[in-house]
């Protein structure tokens, strides 16, 4: 099985790749990330075995590169997104471009491929801050 992990250099992506590498059926993992957050831990301290993981530095909005990479894989884990920071309100256009249109570009590439599974992961940051206390039912 060949896997693409977008946003693979982030915290969740690094942990996911650490686990995927140990699965015998996984022969190749493509880590696709623009490193915009300066997350280099996956390269330095993650303990990930070399050989199975190939790093590609790229943007979600680069549809040509995405199409070429997606053609090589069976499964896509989509974790890439701009996350909320104080800067996010100032550059909301960039966040919309990457989070909405970048995801759409990836989905279009998957639709034109032989990908068997598309897994979209997210975190609580997509909901923003809440003025109410969070419960299990929230």
N, C-alpha and C. Protein backbone atom coordinates (compact mmCIF):
# COMPACT_ATOMS: atom_id res chain seq x y z
N UNK A 1 0.84 -1.17 0.00
CA UNK A 1 0.00 0.00 0.00
C UNK A 1 0.89 1.24 0.00
N UNK A 2 0.49 2.22 -0.81
CA UNK A 2 1.22 3.49 -0.90
C UNK A 2 0.30 4.59 -0.39
N UNK A 3 0.85 5.45 0.47
CA UNK A 3 0.04 6.44 1.19
C UNK A 3 0.60 7.84 1.00
N UNK A 4 -0.32 8.81 0.83
CA UNK A 4 0.02 10.23 0.83
C UNK A 4 -0.52 10.84 2.11
N UNK A 5 0.33 11.60 2.81
CA UNK A 5 -0.11 12.34 4.00
C UNK A 5 0.17 13.81 3.74
N UNK A 6 -0.91 14.60 3.49
CA UNK A 6 -0.73 16.04 3.33
C UNK A 6 -0.65 16.65 4.72
N UNK A 7 0.20 17.64 4.89
CA UNK A 7 0.39 18.22 6.22
C UNK A 7 1.11 17.26 7.15
N UNK A 8 1.89 16.38 6.58
CA UNK A 8 2.54 15.33 7.35
C UNK A 8 3.62 15.79 8.30
N UNK A 9 4.10 17.02 8.18
CA UNK A 9 5.15 17.50 9.08
C UNK A 9 4.58 18.12 10.35
N UNK A 10 3.27 18.26 10.41
CA UNK A 10 2.64 18.80 11.63
C UNK A 10 2.61 17.77 12.74
N UNK A 11 2.09 18.17 13.89
CA UNK A 11 2.07 17.28 15.06
C UNK A 11 1.29 16.00 14.78
N UNK A 12 0.06 16.13 14.29
CA UNK A 12 -0.76 14.94 14.04
C UNK A 12 -0.16 14.12 12.90
N UNK A 13 0.32 14.79 11.86
CA UNK A 13 0.93 14.10 10.73
C UNK A 13 2.15 13.30 11.13
N UNK A 14 2.99 13.88 11.97
CA UNK A 14 4.18 13.17 12.44
C UNK A 14 3.80 11.91 13.21
N UNK A 15 2.83 12.03 14.09
CA UNK A 15 2.39 10.86 14.87
C UNK A 15 1.76 9.81 13.97
N UNK A 16 0.97 10.23 12.99
CA UNK A 16 0.35 9.29 12.05
C UNK A 16 1.43 8.54 11.27
N UNK A 17 2.39 9.26 10.74
CA UNK A 17 3.45 8.63 9.95
C UNK A 17 4.27 7.68 10.80
N UNK A 18 4.53 8.04 12.05
CA UNK A 18 5.28 7.14 12.94
C UNK A 18 4.58 5.79 13.06
N UNK A 19 3.26 5.80 13.07
CA UNK A 19 2.51 4.55 13.19
C UNK A 19 2.39 3.82 11.84
N UNK A 20 2.19 4.56 10.77
CA UNK A 20 2.06 3.95 9.45
C UNK A 20 3.33 3.23 9.02
N UNK A 21 4.48 3.78 9.37
CA UNK A 21 5.76 3.20 8.97
C UNK A 21 5.91 1.77 9.51
N UNK A 22 5.33 1.49 10.66
CA UNK A 22 5.47 0.17 11.28
C UNK A 22 4.51 -0.87 10.72
N UNK A 23 3.60 -0.49 9.84
CA UNK A 23 2.65 -1.44 9.26
C UNK A 23 3.32 -2.12 8.07
N UNK A 24 3.47 -3.45 8.11
CA UNK A 24 4.18 -4.15 7.04
C UNK A 24 3.58 -3.95 5.64
N UNK A 25 2.27 -3.81 5.54
CA UNK A 25 1.61 -3.64 4.24
C UNK A 25 1.90 -2.28 3.60
N UNK A 26 2.34 -1.33 4.40
CA UNK A 26 2.65 0.00 3.88
C UNK A 26 4.06 -0.03 3.31
N UNK A 27 4.14 0.14 1.98
CA UNK A 27 5.46 0.10 1.34
C UNK A 27 6.05 1.48 1.10
N UNK A 28 5.19 2.51 1.01
CA UNK A 28 5.69 3.85 0.72
C UNK A 28 4.74 4.88 1.31
N UNK A 29 5.32 5.94 1.90
CA UNK A 29 4.55 7.06 2.43
C UNK A 29 5.14 8.33 1.82
N UNK A 30 4.28 9.12 1.19
CA UNK A 30 4.71 10.42 0.68
C UNK A 30 4.20 11.48 1.65
N UNK A 31 5.12 12.19 2.25
CA UNK A 31 4.81 13.28 3.18
C UNK A 31 4.83 14.56 2.35
N UNK A 32 3.66 15.22 2.23
CA UNK A 32 3.53 16.44 1.42
C UNK A 32 3.24 17.60 2.35
N UNK A 33 4.14 18.56 2.42
CA UNK A 33 3.99 19.67 3.36
C UNK A 33 4.77 20.87 2.83
N UNK A 34 4.31 22.07 3.17
CA UNK A 34 5.05 23.27 2.75
C UNK A 34 5.98 23.79 3.85
N UNK A 35 5.96 23.16 5.01
CA UNK A 35 6.81 23.52 6.15
C UNK A 35 6.61 24.97 6.58
N UNK A 36 5.43 25.51 6.36
CA UNK A 36 5.16 26.92 6.69
C UNK A 36 5.19 27.19 8.19
N UNK A 37 5.01 26.17 9.00
CA UNK A 37 5.03 26.35 10.46
C UNK A 37 6.41 26.05 11.04
N UNK A 38 7.37 25.73 10.19
CA UNK A 38 8.72 25.44 10.67
C UNK A 38 8.81 24.16 11.47
N UNK A 39 7.92 23.22 11.19
CA UNK A 39 7.93 21.93 11.90
C UNK A 39 8.93 20.98 11.24
N UNK A 40 10.06 20.83 11.88
CA UNK A 40 11.09 19.93 11.35
C UNK A 40 11.28 18.70 12.23
N UNK A 41 10.43 18.53 13.25
CA UNK A 41 10.59 17.40 14.17
C UNK A 41 10.54 16.06 13.47
N UNK A 42 9.72 15.95 12.44
CA UNK A 42 9.63 14.67 11.74
C UNK A 42 10.97 14.26 11.14
N UNK A 43 11.79 15.23 10.83
CA UNK A 43 13.10 14.94 10.25
C UNK A 43 14.17 14.75 11.31
N UNK A 44 13.95 15.31 12.50
CA UNK A 44 14.99 15.33 13.53
C UNK A 44 14.78 14.36 14.67
N UNK A 45 13.59 14.35 15.26
CA UNK A 45 13.41 13.64 16.53
C UNK A 45 12.29 12.61 16.53
N UNK A 46 11.75 12.28 15.40
CA UNK A 46 10.56 11.43 15.41
C UNK A 46 10.89 9.95 15.52
N UNK A 47 12.11 9.55 15.21
CA UNK A 47 12.46 8.14 15.26
C UNK A 47 11.90 7.35 14.09
N UNK A 48 11.47 8.02 13.05
CA UNK A 48 10.90 7.34 11.88
C UNK A 48 12.01 6.68 11.09
N UNK A 49 11.78 5.41 10.76
CA UNK A 49 12.76 4.66 9.98
C UNK A 49 12.86 5.24 8.57
N UNK A 50 14.07 5.34 8.10
CA UNK A 50 14.28 5.84 6.74
C UNK A 50 13.92 4.74 5.74
N UNK A 51 13.63 5.17 4.54
CA UNK A 51 13.38 4.21 3.47
C UNK A 51 11.94 4.23 2.98
N UNK A 52 10.98 4.18 3.88
CA UNK A 52 9.58 4.16 3.47
C UNK A 52 9.02 5.55 3.19
N UNK A 53 9.60 6.58 3.79
CA UNK A 53 9.02 7.92 3.72
C UNK A 53 9.78 8.79 2.73
N UNK A 54 9.01 9.41 1.82
CA UNK A 54 9.58 10.36 0.86
C UNK A 54 8.95 11.72 1.16
N UNK A 55 9.77 12.75 1.31
CA UNK A 55 9.27 14.09 1.58
C UNK A 55 9.17 14.88 0.28
N UNK A 56 8.02 15.54 0.10
CA UNK A 56 7.83 16.46 -1.03
C UNK A 56 7.36 17.79 -0.46
N UNK A 57 8.15 18.84 -0.68
CA UNK A 57 7.74 20.17 -0.23
C UNK A 57 6.84 20.76 -1.30
N UNK A 58 5.61 21.12 -0.90
CA UNK A 58 4.68 21.66 -1.87
C UNK A 58 3.46 22.28 -1.24
N UNK A 59 2.67 22.92 -2.08
CA UNK A 59 1.46 23.63 -1.67
C UNK A 59 0.22 22.87 -2.13
N UNK A 60 -0.86 22.96 -1.37
CA UNK A 60 -2.12 22.35 -1.77
C UNK A 60 -2.68 22.99 -3.03
N UNK A 61 -2.36 24.23 -3.27
CA UNK A 61 -2.89 24.92 -4.44
C UNK A 61 -2.12 24.60 -5.73
N UNK A 62 -1.08 23.79 -5.63
CA UNK A 62 -0.30 23.38 -6.80
C UNK A 62 -0.94 22.11 -7.39
N UNK A 63 -1.96 22.30 -8.21
CA UNK A 63 -2.74 21.16 -8.70
C UNK A 63 -1.91 20.20 -9.56
N UNK A 64 -0.96 20.70 -10.31
CA UNK A 64 -0.15 19.82 -11.17
C UNK A 64 0.67 18.85 -10.32
N UNK A 65 1.34 19.37 -9.30
CA UNK A 65 2.13 18.50 -8.43
C UNK A 65 1.23 17.52 -7.69
N UNK A 66 0.11 18.02 -7.18
CA UNK A 66 -0.82 17.14 -6.46
C UNK A 66 -1.28 15.98 -7.35
N UNK A 67 -1.67 16.27 -8.57
CA UNK A 67 -2.15 15.22 -9.48
C UNK A 67 -1.07 14.17 -9.70
N UNK A 68 0.17 14.62 -9.90
CA UNK A 68 1.27 13.67 -10.12
C UNK A 68 1.52 12.79 -8.90
N UNK A 69 1.43 13.37 -7.72
CA UNK A 69 1.65 12.59 -6.50
C UNK A 69 0.50 11.64 -6.24
N UNK A 70 -0.73 12.13 -6.39
CA UNK A 70 -1.91 11.31 -6.10
C UNK A 70 -1.95 10.08 -7.01
N UNK A 71 -1.44 10.19 -8.22
CA UNK A 71 -1.40 9.04 -9.14
C UNK A 71 -0.55 7.90 -8.60
N UNK A 72 0.34 8.20 -7.66
CA UNK A 72 1.28 7.21 -7.14
C UNK A 72 0.79 6.46 -5.91
N UNK A 73 -0.40 6.83 -5.38
CA UNK A 73 -0.80 6.28 -4.07
C UNK A 73 -2.16 5.59 -4.13
N UNK A 74 -2.42 4.80 -3.08
CA UNK A 74 -3.69 4.09 -2.91
C UNK A 74 -4.58 4.76 -1.88
N UNK A 75 -3.95 5.44 -0.92
CA UNK A 75 -4.68 6.04 0.21
C UNK A 75 -4.16 7.46 0.42
N UNK A 76 -5.09 8.38 0.73
CA UNK A 76 -4.72 9.77 1.04
C UNK A 76 -5.24 10.12 2.42
N UNK A 77 -4.34 10.59 3.28
CA UNK A 77 -4.71 11.20 4.57
C UNK A 77 -4.52 12.69 4.39
N UNK A 78 -5.61 13.45 4.51
CA UNK A 78 -5.52 14.91 4.31
C UNK A 78 -5.55 15.62 5.65
N UNK A 79 -4.39 16.16 6.05
CA UNK A 79 -4.27 16.90 7.30
C UNK A 79 -3.85 18.35 7.07
N UNK A 80 -3.45 18.69 5.86
CA UNK A 80 -2.89 20.02 5.60
C UNK A 80 -3.95 21.11 5.70
N UNK A 81 -3.62 22.16 6.42
CA UNK A 81 -4.50 23.33 6.55
C UNK A 81 -3.73 24.45 7.23
N UNK A 82 -4.19 25.64 7.00
CA UNK A 82 -3.71 26.78 7.79
C UNK A 82 -4.49 26.76 9.08
N UNK A 83 -3.81 26.91 10.20
CA UNK A 83 -4.50 26.87 11.48
C UNK A 83 -4.67 28.26 12.04
N UNK A 84 -5.62 28.39 12.93
CA UNK A 84 -5.97 29.68 13.50
C UNK A 84 -4.84 30.22 14.37
N UNK A 85 -4.45 31.44 14.07
CA UNK A 85 -3.45 32.16 14.86
C UNK A 85 -3.90 33.61 14.89
N UNK A 86 -3.26 34.45 15.66
CA UNK A 86 -3.64 35.87 15.62
C UNK A 86 -3.56 36.45 14.21
N UNK A 87 -2.69 35.90 13.38
CA UNK A 87 -2.53 36.38 12.01
C UNK A 87 -3.70 35.98 11.11
N UNK A 88 -4.44 34.94 11.49
CA UNK A 88 -5.46 34.40 10.60
C UNK A 88 -6.55 35.39 10.24
N UNK A 89 -6.92 36.28 11.14
CA UNK A 89 -7.94 37.27 10.82
C UNK A 89 -7.43 38.31 9.83
N UNK A 90 -6.13 38.57 9.87
CA UNK A 90 -5.55 39.57 8.97
C UNK A 90 -5.39 39.04 7.55
N UNK A 91 -5.20 37.76 7.41
CA UNK A 91 -5.01 37.19 6.07
C UNK A 91 -6.04 36.09 5.81
N UNK A 92 -7.31 36.42 6.01
CA UNK A 92 -8.37 35.43 5.86
C UNK A 92 -8.43 34.89 4.43
N UNK A 93 -8.02 35.70 3.46
CA UNK A 93 -8.02 35.23 2.07
C UNK A 93 -7.07 34.05 1.90
N UNK A 94 -5.89 34.13 2.49
CA UNK A 94 -4.93 33.02 2.42
C UNK A 94 -5.50 31.77 3.07
N UNK A 95 -6.16 31.93 4.21
CA UNK A 95 -6.74 30.78 4.90
C UNK A 95 -7.83 30.14 4.05
N UNK A 96 -8.66 30.96 3.43
CA UNK A 96 -9.71 30.43 2.55
C UNK A 96 -9.09 29.72 1.36
N UNK A 97 -8.08 30.32 0.77
CA UNK A 97 -7.43 29.71 -0.39
C UNK A 97 -6.88 28.32 -0.05
N UNK A 98 -6.12 28.24 1.02
CA UNK A 98 -5.48 26.97 1.37
C UNK A 98 -6.50 25.97 1.90
N UNK A 99 -7.30 26.36 2.89
CA UNK A 99 -8.18 25.41 3.56
C UNK A 99 -9.36 24.97 2.70
N UNK A 100 -9.92 25.86 1.91
CA UNK A 100 -11.07 25.49 1.08
C UNK A 100 -10.64 25.06 -0.32
N UNK A 101 -9.99 25.96 -1.03
CA UNK A 101 -9.63 25.67 -2.41
C UNK A 101 -8.50 24.65 -2.51
N UNK A 102 -7.58 24.67 -1.57
CA UNK A 102 -6.52 23.66 -1.57
C UNK A 102 -7.08 22.26 -1.36
N UNK A 103 -8.04 22.15 -0.44
CA UNK A 103 -8.70 20.86 -0.21
C UNK A 103 -9.46 20.44 -1.47
N UNK A 104 -10.12 21.39 -2.12
CA UNK A 104 -10.84 21.08 -3.36
C UNK A 104 -9.89 20.57 -4.44
N UNK A 105 -8.72 21.20 -4.57
CA UNK A 105 -7.73 20.74 -5.56
C UNK A 105 -7.30 19.30 -5.28
N UNK A 106 -7.12 18.99 -4.01
CA UNK A 106 -6.75 17.62 -3.65
C UNK A 106 -7.87 16.65 -3.99
N UNK A 107 -9.10 17.01 -3.68
CA UNK A 107 -10.24 16.15 -3.99
C UNK A 107 -10.36 15.94 -5.50
N UNK A 108 -10.18 16.99 -6.29
CA UNK A 108 -10.23 16.85 -7.75
C UNK A 108 -9.16 15.86 -8.22
N UNK A 109 -7.97 15.97 -7.67
CA UNK A 109 -6.88 15.05 -8.05
C UNK A 109 -7.24 13.61 -7.68
N UNK A 110 -7.84 13.43 -6.52
CA UNK A 110 -8.25 12.08 -6.07
C UNK A 110 -9.33 11.53 -7.00
N UNK A 111 -10.28 12.37 -7.39
CA UNK A 111 -11.36 11.92 -8.27
C UNK A 111 -10.83 11.41 -9.62
N UNK A 112 -9.73 11.96 -10.07
CA UNK A 112 -9.14 11.57 -11.36
C UNK A 112 -8.12 10.44 -11.21
N UNK A 113 -8.06 9.82 -10.05
CA UNK A 113 -7.02 8.82 -9.77
C UNK A 113 -7.66 7.47 -9.41
N UNK A 114 -6.79 6.53 -9.06
CA UNK A 114 -7.24 5.22 -8.59
C UNK A 114 -7.17 5.10 -7.07
N UNK A 115 -7.14 6.22 -6.37
CA UNK A 115 -7.09 6.20 -4.90
C UNK A 115 -8.31 5.45 -4.38
N UNK A 116 -8.06 4.53 -3.45
CA UNK A 116 -9.13 3.70 -2.90
C UNK A 116 -9.76 4.29 -1.64
N UNK A 117 -8.99 5.10 -0.91
CA UNK A 117 -9.48 5.68 0.34
C UNK A 117 -8.97 7.10 0.50
N UNK A 118 -9.88 7.98 0.94
CA UNK A 118 -9.54 9.37 1.24
C UNK A 118 -9.98 9.63 2.67
N UNK A 119 -9.03 9.93 3.54
CA UNK A 119 -9.33 10.16 4.95
C UNK A 119 -9.01 11.61 5.27
N UNK A 120 -10.04 12.35 5.71
CA UNK A 120 -9.88 13.77 6.04
C UNK A 120 -9.87 13.91 7.54
N UNK A 121 -8.77 14.41 8.08
CA UNK A 121 -8.64 14.62 9.51
C UNK A 121 -8.66 16.10 9.81
N UNK A 122 -9.16 16.42 10.97
CA UNK A 122 -9.19 17.80 11.39
C UNK A 122 -8.96 17.85 12.89
N UNK A 123 -8.94 19.05 13.42
CA UNK A 123 -8.75 19.21 14.86
C UNK A 123 -9.77 20.23 15.37
N UNK A 124 -9.77 20.44 16.64
CA UNK A 124 -10.72 21.37 17.26
C UNK A 124 -10.50 22.80 16.80
N UNK A 125 -9.35 23.10 16.22
CA UNK A 125 -9.08 24.48 15.81
C UNK A 125 -10.03 24.95 14.70
N UNK A 126 -10.68 24.02 13.99
CA UNK A 126 -11.62 24.45 12.95
C UNK A 126 -12.87 25.08 13.53
N UNK A 127 -13.15 24.80 14.81
CA UNK A 127 -14.35 25.34 15.45
C UNK A 127 -14.10 26.69 16.10
N UNK A 128 -12.86 27.03 16.35
CA UNK A 128 -12.54 28.28 17.02
C UNK A 128 -12.82 28.21 18.51
N UNK A 129 -12.66 29.33 19.17
CA UNK A 129 -12.88 29.39 20.62
C UNK A 129 -14.37 29.36 20.92
N UNK A 130 -14.72 28.77 22.04
CA UNK A 130 -16.11 28.70 22.46
C UNK A 130 -16.30 29.50 23.74
N UNK A 131 -17.42 30.19 23.82
CA UNK A 131 -17.72 30.93 25.05
C UNK A 131 -18.39 30.03 26.08
N UNK A 132 -18.80 28.82 25.64
CA UNK A 132 -19.44 27.87 26.55
C UNK A 132 -18.48 26.73 26.88
N UNK A 133 -18.71 26.13 28.03
CA UNK A 133 -17.91 24.98 28.43
C UNK A 133 -18.23 23.80 27.51
N UNK A 134 -17.19 23.10 27.09
CA UNK A 134 -17.37 21.95 26.22
C UNK A 134 -17.75 20.72 27.04
N UNK A 135 -18.70 19.94 26.54
CA UNK A 135 -19.10 18.69 27.17
C UNK A 135 -18.94 17.57 26.16
N UNK A 136 -19.13 16.34 26.60
CA UNK A 136 -19.04 15.21 25.68
C UNK A 136 -20.08 15.29 24.58
N UNK A 137 -21.23 15.89 24.86
CA UNK A 137 -22.31 15.98 23.88
C UNK A 137 -22.17 17.17 22.94
N UNK A 138 -21.18 18.03 23.17
CA UNK A 138 -21.03 19.24 22.34
C UNK A 138 -20.58 18.89 20.95
